[in-house]
Amino acid sequence: MAKKKISKKPKVHKELKGLEMSIDSFGEIKTTLNIENINAFLDKHVDDKKLREKEEKELAKKKKKSGS
């Protein structure tokens, strides 16, 4: 017996209302929102660990130079 497809839409943040994503037969990701809008949302709401670590290393270097 084949499984039934459930077409229930997931809950999304109010700023991303209307966002739908799918993968076509070529493996490309298709969205209903512009990728720049999605990136702006992520920049605003998600902490980037790599950037934070880079900034912390730069601060540590500056402190070592000024302390010597």
Protein backbone atom coordinates (compact mmCIF):
# COMPACT_ATOMS: atom_id res chain seq x y z
CA MET A 1 0.00 0.00 0.00
CA ALA A 2 1.34 3.44 -0.93
CA LYS A 3 1.62 6.17 1.67
CA LYS A 4 -0.75 9.09 1.35
CA LYS A 5 0.78 12.49 0.75
CA ILE A 6 -0.11 15.03 3.41
CA SER A 7 -0.44 18.52 1.98
CA LYS A 8 -0.57 20.32 5.32
CA LYS A 9 1.43 23.56 5.20
CA PRO A 10 3.98 24.12 7.99
CA LYS A 11 3.78 27.09 10.34
CA VAL A 12 6.11 29.96 9.40
CA HIS A 13 7.08 33.28 10.97
CA LYS A 14 4.69 36.12 10.12
CA GLU A 15 7.46 37.90 8.14
CA LEU A 16 7.77 34.81 5.93
CA LYS A 17 4.05 34.35 5.38
CA GLY A 18 3.42 32.75 2.00
CA LEU A 19 6.78 30.98 1.89
CA GLU A 20 6.66 27.67 0.11
CA MET A 21 9.68 25.62 -0.89
CA SER A 22 9.99 22.66 -3.21
CA ILE A 23 12.68 20.74 -5.04
CA ASP A 24 12.19 20.21 -8.76
CA SER A 25 13.23 17.17 -10.78
CA PHE A 26 16.70 18.69 -11.37
CA GLY A 27 17.33 19.09 -7.64
CA GLU A 28 16.91 22.89 -7.70
CA ILE A 29 15.23 24.55 -4.73
CA LYS A 30 12.20 26.62 -5.73
CA THR A 31 10.70 29.20 -3.36
CA THR A 32 7.80 31.60 -3.51
CA LEU A 33 9.85 34.37 -1.83
CA ASN A 34 12.90 36.15 -3.19
CA ILE A 35 16.15 34.71 -1.81
CA GLU A 36 17.31 38.20 -0.77
CA ASN A 37 14.23 38.54 1.46
CA ILE A 38 14.93 35.16 3.04
CA ASN A 39 18.59 36.08 3.64
CA ALA A 40 17.62 39.43 5.19
CA PHE A 41 15.23 37.61 7.55
CA LEU A 42 17.93 35.10 8.53
CA ASP A 43 20.50 37.87 9.10
CA LYS A 44 18.08 39.62 11.42
CA HIS A 45 16.88 36.59 13.41
CA VAL A 46 19.69 34.00 13.38
CA ASP A 47 23.07 34.30 15.11
CA ASP A 48 25.96 33.30 12.82
CA LYS A 49 28.49 31.36 14.93
CA LYS A 50 31.28 31.63 12.36
CA LEU A 51 31.04 35.42 12.21
CA ARG A 52 30.87 35.71 15.99
CA GLU A 53 33.97 33.51 16.41
CA LYS A 54 35.87 35.53 13.80
CA GLU A 55 35.03 38.80 15.57
CA GLU A 56 36.11 37.33 18.92
CA LYS A 57 39.47 36.24 17.47
CA GLU A 58 40.04 39.71 16.00
CA LEU A 59 39.24 41.33 19.36
CA ALA A 60 41.66 38.97 21.12
CA LYS A 61 44.43 39.87 18.64
CA LYS A 62 43.83 43.58 19.16
CA LYS A 63 43.96 43.16 22.95
CA LYS A 64 47.26 41.24 22.72
CA LYS A 65 48.80 43.97 20.52
CA SER A 66 47.64 46.80 22.75
CA GLY A 67 48.61 44.94 25.95
CA SER A 68 52.20 44.21 24.84
